């Protein structure tokens, strides 16, 4: 059960604190805030500048960690996950697919790697440290969060939802008790085997499917079922 909670926290997160080994002050950890999305195996993808201190650090020492926190009023009781990892630059032949997904999550960064000398890096996990609350503290082996739709299939499904079913997105949010600021732009940005990501203004939210899915047909059936429940719930209010 702990691994399920850790998986869900990673899926629900889109920003965290990246800690690297400082090359300016040797021996000291260096923390910085980074947005991220996940690749086809659930590994963290970040887009960082050649000028940034954390980039200079990982080029010399790839060992790093990423801390993500669940939302909550009490930071001490909120669930958190530390991903201990090696930072590896994304090979050129993988950049296109990685970029397509990342830029859906963070469209404002679309020209960073071209204009400002940014590069995509992957955090290859070595170990997880999960704290789910009092007495729930565990070291975990990394487990794959395989996305069966990563690439063209995910791109097509997301595009279809944003072009033909935009009216359904607010209902999914309402059913999941996700707050939507007035006049905030709402788009679907990702789909995986356990749920989907929506971008609401500058915020990313994750809504889980009732059951895991492994084909576009199952995705469609789940989305239709969730929409029926959402509409029924809205009528009952």
C-alpha atoms as a PDB file:
ATOM      1  CA  UNK A   1       0.000   0.000   0.000  1.00  0.00           C
ATOM      2  CA  UNK A   2       2.875   2.378   0.709  1.00  0.00           C
ATOM      3  CA  UNK A   3       4.199   2.027  -2.820  1.00  0.00           C
ATOM      4  CA  UNK A   4       0.741   2.897  -4.178  1.00  0.00           C
ATOM      5  CA  UNK A   5       0.681   6.074  -2.064  1.00  0.00           C
ATOM      6  CA  UNK A   6       4.190   6.998  -3.225  1.00  0.00           C
ATOM      7  CA  UNK A   7       3.229   6.397  -6.851  1.00  0.00           C
ATOM      8  CA  UNK A   8       0.159   8.577  -6.528  1.00  0.00           C
ATOM      9  CA  UNK A   9       2.116  11.393  -4.902  1.00  0.00           C
ATOM     10  CA  UNK A  10       4.630  11.390  -7.739  1.00  0.00           C
ATOM     11  CA  UNK A  11       1.851  11.343 -10.343  1.00  0.00           C
ATOM     12  CA  UNK A  12       0.058  14.210  -8.614  1.00  0.00           C
ATOM     13  CA  UNK A  13       3.173  16.401  -8.366  1.00  0.00           C
ATOM     14  CA  UNK A  14       4.581  18.744 -10.987  1.00  0.00           C
ATOM     15  CA  UNK A  15       7.161  20.758  -9.047  1.00  0.00           C
ATOM     16  CA  UNK A  16       9.694  20.025  -6.345  1.00  0.00           C
ATOM     17  CA  UNK A  17      12.996  20.921  -4.713  1.00  0.00           C
ATOM     18  CA  UNK A  18      16.034  19.655  -6.611  1.00  0.00           C
ATOM     19  CA  UNK A  19      19.129  19.207  -4.433  1.00  0.00           C
ATOM     20  CA  UNK A  20      22.538  18.909  -6.077  1.00  0.00           C
ATOM     21  CA  UNK A  21      26.167  18.907  -4.920  1.00  0.00           C
ATOM     22  CA  UNK A  22      27.470  22.470  -5.027  1.00  0.00           C
ATOM     23  CA  UNK A  23      30.573  23.016  -7.133  1.00  0.00           C
ATOM     24  CA  UNK A  24      30.865  26.608  -5.949  1.00  0.00           C
ATOM     25  CA  UNK A  25      31.005  25.679  -2.265  1.00  0.00           C
ATOM     26  CA  UNK A  26      32.252  22.097  -2.239  1.00  0.00           C
ATOM     27  CA  UNK A  27      30.595  19.805   0.249  1.00  0.00           C
ATOM     28  CA  UNK A  28      27.417  21.842   0.603  1.00  0.00           C
ATOM     29  CA  UNK A  29      24.028  20.798  -0.822  1.00  0.00           C
ATOM     30  CA  UNK A  30      22.374  23.233  -3.217  1.00  0.00           C
ATOM     31  CA  UNK A  31      18.574  23.380  -3.433  1.00  0.00           C
ATOM     32  CA  UNK A  32      16.456  24.860  -6.207  1.00  0.00           C
ATOM     33  CA  UNK A  33      12.827  24.686  -7.264  1.00  0.00           C
ATOM     34  CA  UNK A  34      12.073  22.973 -10.584  1.00  0.00           C
ATOM     35  CA  UNK A  35       8.898  22.068 -12.486  1.00  0.00           C
ATOM     36  CA  UNK A  36       8.795  18.556 -13.924  1.00  0.00           C
ATOM     37  CA  UNK A  37       6.750  15.947 -15.722  1.00  0.00           C
ATOM     38  CA  UNK A  38       7.262  12.188 -16.039  1.00  0.00           C
ATOM     39  CA  UNK A  39       8.539  10.176 -18.992  1.00  0.00           C
ATOM     40  CA  UNK A  40       7.264   6.838 -20.302  1.00  0.00           C
ATOM     41  CA  UNK A  41       8.675   4.962 -17.285  1.00  0.00           C
ATOM     42  CA  UNK A  42       7.671   7.471 -14.643  1.00  0.00           C
ATOM     43  CA  UNK A  43      11.105   9.052 -14.384  1.00  0.00           C
ATOM     44  CA  UNK A  44      11.286  12.764 -13.623  1.00  0.00           C
ATOM     45  CA  UNK A  45      12.053  15.088 -16.554  1.00  0.00           C
ATOM     46  CA  UNK A  46      13.355  18.596 -15.933  1.00  0.00           C
ATOM     47  CA  UNK A  47      14.322  21.398 -18.312  1.00  0.00           C
ATOM     48  CA  UNK A  48      17.307  23.359 -16.997  1.00  0.00           C
ATOM     49  CA  UNK A  49      19.570  26.117 -18.267  1.00  0.00           C
ATOM     50  CA  UNK A  50      23.264  25.739 -19.010  1.00  0.00           C
ATOM     51  CA  UNK A  51      23.740  28.896 -16.947  1.00  0.00           C
ATOM     52  CA  UNK A  52      21.958  27.568 -13.862  1.00  0.00           C
ATOM     53  CA  UNK A  53      23.983  26.514 -10.842  1.00  0.00           C
ATOM     54  CA  UNK A  54      22.194  23.162 -10.542  1.00  0.00           C
ATOM     55  CA  UNK A  55      23.134  22.313 -14.143  1.00  0.00           C
ATOM     56  CA  UNK A  56      26.783  23.064 -13.461  1.00  0.00           C
ATOM     57  CA  UNK A  57      26.540  20.879 -10.375  1.00  0.00           C
ATOM     58  CA  UNK A  58      25.045  17.774 -12.027  1.00  0.00           C
ATOM     59  CA  UNK A  59      27.527  17.955 -14.891  1.00  0.00           C
ATOM     60  CA  UNK A  60      30.261  17.294 -12.345  1.00  0.00           C
ATOM     61  CA  UNK A  61      28.341  15.084  -9.897  1.00  0.00           C
ATOM     62  CA  UNK A  62      25.185  13.436 -11.215  1.00  0.00           C
ATOM     63  CA  UNK A  63      23.947  12.426  -7.763  1.00  0.00           C
ATOM     64  CA  UNK A  64      20.915  14.449  -6.714  1.00  0.00           C
ATOM     65  CA  UNK A  65      17.506  14.251  -5.091  1.00  0.00           C
ATOM     66  CA  UNK A  66      14.062  15.674  -5.715  1.00  0.00           C
ATOM     67  CA  UNK A  67      11.631  16.376  -2.874  1.00  0.00           C
ATOM     68  CA  UNK A  68       7.908  16.571  -3.621  1.00  0.00           C
ATOM     69  CA  UNK A  69       5.207  17.452  -1.103  1.00  0.00           C
ATOM     70  CA  UNK A  70       1.495  16.748  -1.042  1.00  0.00           C
ATOM     71  CA  UNK A  71      -0.703  19.796  -0.682  1.00  0.00           C
ATOM     72  CA  UNK A  72      -1.956  20.494   2.824  1.00  0.00           C
ATOM     73  CA  UNK A  73      -2.169  23.085   5.568  1.00  0.00           C
ATOM     74  CA  UNK A  74       0.235  21.254   7.894  1.00  0.00           C
ATOM     75  CA  UNK A  75       3.586  20.722   6.210  1.00  0.00           C
ATOM     76  CA  UNK A  76       4.717  18.363   8.988  1.00  0.00           C
ATOM     77  CA  UNK A  77       1.843  15.941   8.439  1.00  0.00           C
ATOM     78  CA  UNK A  78       1.691  16.197   4.644  1.00  0.00           C
ATOM     79  CA  UNK A  79       2.943  13.211   2.655  1.00  0.00           C
ATOM     80  CA  UNK A  80       6.287  13.697   0.945  1.00  0.00           C
ATOM     81  CA  UNK A  81       8.573  11.740  -1.308  1.00  0.00           C
ATOM     82  CA  UNK A  82      12.294  12.129  -1.871  1.00  0.00           C
ATOM     83  CA  UNK A  83      13.606  10.674  -5.117  1.00  0.00           C
ATOM     84  CA  UNK A  84      17.323   9.929  -4.884  1.00  0.00           C
ATOM     85  CA  UNK A  85      18.620   9.775  -8.431  1.00  0.00           C
ATOM     86  CA  UNK A  86      21.354  10.250 -10.990  1.00  0.00           C
ATOM     87  CA  UNK A  87      20.796  13.140 -13.400  1.00  0.00           C
ATOM     88  CA  UNK A  88      21.328  12.171 -17.045  1.00  0.00           C
ATOM     89  CA  UNK A  89      20.862  14.422 -20.052  1.00  0.00           C
ATOM     90  CA  UNK A  90      18.103  13.187 -22.381  1.00  0.00           C
ATOM     91  CA  UNK A  91      19.607  11.764 -25.604  1.00  0.00           C
ATOM     92  CA  UNK A  92      18.934  13.797 -28.727  1.00  0.00           C
ATOM     93  CA  UNK A  93      16.869  11.021 -30.326  1.00  0.00           C
ATOM     94  CA  UNK A  94      14.403  11.132 -27.392  1.00  0.00           C
ATOM     95  CA  UNK A  95      14.072  14.887 -27.065  1.00  0.00           C
ATOM     96  CA  UNK A  96      11.156  15.374 -29.478  1.00  0.00           C
ATOM     97  CA  UNK A  97       8.724  13.104 -27.628  1.00  0.00           C
ATOM     98  CA  UNK A  98       9.893  14.342 -24.231  1.00  0.00           C
ATOM     99  CA  UNK A  99       9.498  17.948 -25.370  1.00  0.00           C
ATOM    100  CA  UNK A 100       5.957  17.411 -26.663  1.00  0.00           C
ATOM    101  CA  UNK A 101       4.787  16.173 -23.284  1.00  0.00           C
ATOM    102  CA  UNK A 102       6.757  18.701 -21.223  1.00  0.00           C
ATOM    103  CA  UNK A 103       5.520  21.673 -23.244  1.00  0.00           C
ATOM    104  CA  UNK A 104       1.901  20.644 -22.798  1.00  0.00           C
ATOM    105  CA  UNK A 105       2.473  20.815 -19.057  1.00  0.00           C
ATOM    106  CA  UNK A 106       4.529  24.022 -19.204  1.00  0.00           C
ATOM    107  CA  UNK A 107       3.755  25.885 -22.456  1.00  0.00           C
ATOM    108  CA  UNK A 108       5.495  29.046 -21.252  1.00  0.00           C
ATOM    109  CA  UNK A 109       8.857  27.240 -21.480  1.00  0.00           C
ATOM    110  CA  UNK A 110       8.436  26.114 -25.089  1.00  0.00           C
ATOM    111  CA  UNK A 111      11.342  28.103 -26.514  1.00  0.00           C
ATOM    112  CA  UNK A 112      13.696  27.875 -23.544  1.00  0.00           C
ATOM    113  CA  UNK A 113      16.060  25.222 -24.864  1.00  0.00           C
ATOM    114  CA  UNK A 114      16.332  26.978 -28.235  1.00  0.00           C
ATOM    115  CA  UNK A 115      16.601  30.601 -27.137  1.00  0.00           C
ATOM    116  CA  UNK A 116      18.199  30.364 -23.711  1.00  0.00           C
ATOM    117  CA  UNK A 117      20.309  27.214 -24.038  1.00  0.00           C
ATOM    118  CA  UNK A 118      18.143  24.893 -21.947  1.00  0.00           C
ATOM    119  CA  UNK A 119      18.376  21.081 -22.029  1.00  0.00           C
ATOM    120  CA  UNK A 120      16.167  18.223 -20.900  1.00  0.00           C
ATOM    121  CA  UNK A 121      17.532  16.042 -18.102  1.00  0.00           C
ATOM    122  CA  UNK A 122      16.160  12.784 -16.692  1.00  0.00           C
ATOM    123  CA  UNK A 123      16.421  11.815 -13.035  1.00  0.00           C
ATOM    124  CA  UNK A 124      17.164   8.099 -13.054  1.00  0.00           C
ATOM    125  CA  UNK A 125      15.896   6.913  -9.644  1.00  0.00           C
ATOM    126  CA  UNK A 126      18.088   4.942  -7.246  1.00  0.00           C
ATOM    127  CA  UNK A 127      15.889   4.901  -4.130  1.00  0.00           C
ATOM    128  CA  UNK A 128      12.726   6.512  -2.775  1.00  0.00           C
ATOM    129  CA  UNK A 129      12.152   7.827   0.745  1.00  0.00           C
ATOM    130  CA  UNK A 130       8.419   8.089   1.434  1.00  0.00           C
ATOM    131  CA  UNK A 131       6.814   9.679   4.490  1.00  0.00           C
ATOM    132  CA  UNK A 132       3.062   9.264   4.564  1.00  0.00           C
ATOM    133  CA  UNK A 133       2.456  10.568   8.074  1.00  0.00           C
ATOM    134  CA  UNK A 134       3.301   9.604  11.645  1.00  0.00           C
ATOM    135  CA  UNK A 135       4.827   6.130  11.748  1.00  0.00           C
ATOM    136  CA  UNK A 136       4.653   5.714   7.982  1.00  0.00           C
ATOM    137  CA  UNK A 137       8.262   6.198   6.939  1.00  0.00           C
ATOM    138  CA  UNK A 138       9.808   3.833   4.403  1.00  0.00           C
ATOM    139  CA  UNK A 139      12.690   3.349   2.024  1.00  0.00           C
ATOM    140  CA  UNK A 140      11.343   2.067  -1.288  1.00  0.00           C
ATOM    141  CA  UNK A 141      12.871   0.584  -4.378  1.00  0.00           C
ATOM    142  CA  UNK A 142      11.956   2.583  -7.499  1.00  0.00           C
ATOM    143  CA  UNK A 143       9.090   0.985  -9.393  1.00  0.00           C
ATOM    144  CA  UNK A 144       8.241   1.805 -12.971  1.00  0.00           C
ATOM    145  CA  UNK A 145       5.257   4.039 -13.581  1.00  0.00           C
ATOM    146  CA  UNK A 146       4.933   2.824 -17.143  1.00  0.00           C
ATOM    147  CA  UNK A 147       2.741   5.030 -19.317  1.00  0.00           C
ATOM    148  CA  UNK A 148       1.276   2.724 -21.999  1.00  0.00           C
ATOM    149  CA  UNK A 149       0.220   5.730 -24.084  1.00  0.00           C
ATOM    150  CA  UNK A 150       3.408   7.810 -24.047  1.00  0.00           C
ATOM    151  CA  UNK A 151       4.141   9.419 -27.412  1.00  0.00           C
ATOM    152  CA  UNK A 152       1.839   9.646 -30.411  1.00  0.00           C
ATOM    153  CA  UNK A 153      -1.042   7.782 -28.766  1.00  0.00           C
ATOM    154  CA  UNK A 154      -1.132  10.140 -25.790  1.00  0.00           C
ATOM    155  CA  UNK A 155      -0.732  13.170 -28.063  1.00  0.00           C
ATOM    156  CA  UNK A 156      -3.738  12.092 -30.153  1.00  0.00           C
ATOM    157  CA  UNK A 157      -5.988  11.411 -27.156  1.00  0.00           C
ATOM    158  CA  UNK A 158      -5.109  14.696 -25.474  1.00  0.00           C
ATOM    159  CA  UNK A 159      -5.649  16.638 -28.703  1.00  0.00           C
ATOM    160  CA  UNK A 160      -9.014  14.937 -29.230  1.00  0.00           C
ATOM    161  CA  UNK A 161     -10.193  15.826 -25.723  1.00  0.00           C
ATOM    162  CA  UNK A 162      -9.074  19.453 -26.054  1.00  0.00           C
ATOM    163  CA  UNK A 163     -10.626  19.911 -29.484  1.00  0.00           C
ATOM    164  CA  UNK A 164     -13.877  17.954 -29.149  1.00  0.00           C
ATOM    165  CA  UNK A 165     -14.692  17.551 -25.445  1.00  0.00           C
ATOM    166  CA  UNK A 166     -13.635  20.737 -23.673  1.00  0.00           C
ATOM    167  CA  UNK A 167     -17.097  20.918 -22.080  1.00  0.00           C
ATOM    168  CA  UNK A 168     -16.344  17.721 -20.156  1.00  0.00           C
ATOM    169  CA  UNK A 169     -13.198  19.010 -18.443  1.00  0.00           C
ATOM    170  CA  UNK A 170     -14.923  21.339 -15.922  1.00  0.00           C
ATOM    171  CA  UNK A 171     -17.283  18.498 -14.980  1.00  0.00           C
ATOM    172  CA  UNK A 172     -14.352  16.172 -14.251  1.00  0.00           C
ATOM    173  CA  UNK A 173     -12.896  18.881 -12.015  1.00  0.00           C
ATOM    174  CA  UNK A 174     -16.180  19.450 -10.222  1.00  0.00           C
ATOM    175  CA  UNK A 175     -16.667  15.739  -9.602  1.00  0.00           C
ATOM    176  CA  UNK A 176     -13.109  15.459  -8.241  1.00  0.00           C
ATOM    177  CA  UNK A 177     -13.603  18.558  -6.012  1.00  0.00           C
ATOM    178  CA  UNK A 178     -10.902  20.471  -7.871  1.00  0.00           C
ATOM    179  CA  UNK A 179     -11.207  24.235  -7.507  1.00  0.00           C
ATOM    180  CA  UNK A 180     -11.274  26.232 -10.734  1.00  0.00           C
ATOM    181  CA  UNK A 181     -10.501  29.960 -10.600  1.00  0.00           C
ATOM    182  CA  UNK A 182     -12.926  32.056 -12.599  1.00  0.00           C
ATOM    183  CA  UNK A 183     -11.943  32.433 -16.274  1.00  0.00           C
ATOM    184  CA  UNK A 184      -8.894  30.159 -15.869  1.00  0.00           C
ATOM    185  CA  UNK A 185      -7.864  28.322 -19.036  1.00  0.00           C
ATOM    186  CA  UNK A 186      -8.513  24.583 -18.747  1.00  0.00           C
ATOM    187  CA  UNK A 187      -6.816  21.962 -20.940  1.00  0.00           C
ATOM    188  CA  UNK A 188      -5.909  18.302 -20.727  1.00  0.00           C
ATOM    189  CA  UNK A 189      -2.127  17.848 -20.882  1.00  0.00           C
ATOM    190  CA  UNK A 190      -1.444  14.186 -20.153  1.00  0.00           C
ATOM    191  CA  UNK A 191      -2.988  10.720 -19.966  1.00  0.00           C
ATOM    192  CA  UNK A 192      -1.447   7.595 -18.445  1.00  0.00           C
ATOM    193  CA  UNK A 193      -2.645   4.207 -17.272  1.00  0.00           C
ATOM    194  CA  UNK A 194      -3.886   5.511 -13.918  1.00  0.00           C
ATOM    195  CA  UNK A 195      -5.417   8.904 -14.700  1.00  0.00           C
ATOM    196  CA  UNK A 196      -5.016  12.206 -16.501  1.00  0.00           C
ATOM    197  CA  UNK A 197      -3.471  15.636 -15.942  1.00  0.00           C
ATOM    198  CA  UNK A 198      -5.337  18.903 -16.469  1.00  0.00           C
ATOM    199  CA  UNK A 199      -3.760  22.331 -16.623  1.00  0.00           C
ATOM    200  CA  UNK A 200      -5.874  24.979 -14.885  1.00  0.00           C
ATOM    201  CA  UNK A 201      -4.278  28.347 -15.473  1.00  0.00           C
ATOM    202  CA  UNK A 202      -0.743  27.859 -14.159  1.00  0.00           C
ATOM    203  CA  UNK A 203      -1.600  24.863 -11.981  1.00  0.00           C
ATOM    204  CA  UNK A 204      -1.495  21.146 -12.871  1.00  0.00           C
ATOM    205  CA  UNK A 205      -3.980  18.736 -11.278  1.00  0.00           C
ATOM    206  CA  UNK A 206      -4.198  14.958 -11.545  1.00  0.00           C
ATOM    207  CA  UNK A 207      -7.483  13.046 -11.639  1.00  0.00           C
ATOM    208  CA  UNK A 208      -7.316   9.275 -11.245  1.00  0.00           C
ATOM    209  CA  UNK A 209      -9.383   6.792 -13.245  1.00  0.00           C
ATOM    210  CA  UNK A 210     -11.683   4.518 -11.199  1.00  0.00           C
ATOM    211  CA  UNK A 211      -9.567   1.591 -12.373  1.00  0.00           C
ATOM    212  CA  UNK A 212      -6.222   1.345 -14.224  1.00  0.00           C
ATOM    213  CA  UNK A 213      -6.512   1.306 -18.030  1.00  0.00           C
ATOM    214  CA  UNK A 214      -4.237  -0.106 -20.724  1.00  0.00           C
ATOM    215  CA  UNK A 215      -5.786   0.815 -24.080  1.00  0.00           C
ATOM    216  CA  UNK A 216      -7.382   3.853 -25.754  1.00  0.00           C
ATOM    217  CA  UNK A 217     -10.701   1.985 -25.673  1.00  0.00           C
ATOM    218  CA  UNK A 218     -10.421   1.621 -21.907  1.00  0.00           C
ATOM    219  CA  UNK A 219      -9.513   5.300 -21.597  1.00  0.00           C
ATOM    220  CA  UNK A 220     -12.578   6.298 -23.569  1.00  0.00           C
ATOM    221  CA  UNK A 221     -14.842   4.010 -21.519  1.00  0.00           C
ATOM    222  CA  UNK A 222     -13.471   5.423 -18.254  1.00  0.00           C
ATOM    223  CA  UNK A 223     -13.844   9.031 -19.388  1.00  0.00           C
ATOM    224  CA  UNK A 224     -17.416   8.405 -20.554  1.00  0.00           C
ATOM    225  CA  UNK A 225     -18.303   6.694 -17.272  1.00  0.00           C
ATOM    226  CA  UNK A 226     -16.718   9.493 -15.230  1.00  0.00           C
ATOM    227  CA  UNK A 227     -18.593  12.092 -17.287  1.00  0.00           C
ATOM    228  CA  UNK A 228     -21.940  10.350 -16.688  1.00  0.00           C
ATOM    229  CA  UNK A 229     -21.260  10.289 -12.952  1.00  0.00           C
ATOM    230  CA  UNK A 230     -20.216  13.948 -13.027  1.00  0.00           C
ATOM    231  CA  UNK A 231     -23.365  14.999 -14.856  1.00  0.00           C
ATOM    232  CA  UNK A 232     -25.565  12.967 -12.499  1.00  0.00           C
ATOM    233  CA  UNK A 233     -23.838  14.538  -9.524  1.00  0.00           C
ATOM    234  CA  UNK A 234     -24.270  18.030 -10.918  1.00  0.00           C
ATOM    235  CA  UNK A 235     -28.006  17.461 -11.460  1.00  0.00           C
ATOM    236  CA  UNK A 236     -28.424  16.151  -7.924  1.00  0.00           C
ATOM    237  CA  UNK A 237     -26.929  19.301  -6.361  1.00  0.00           C
END
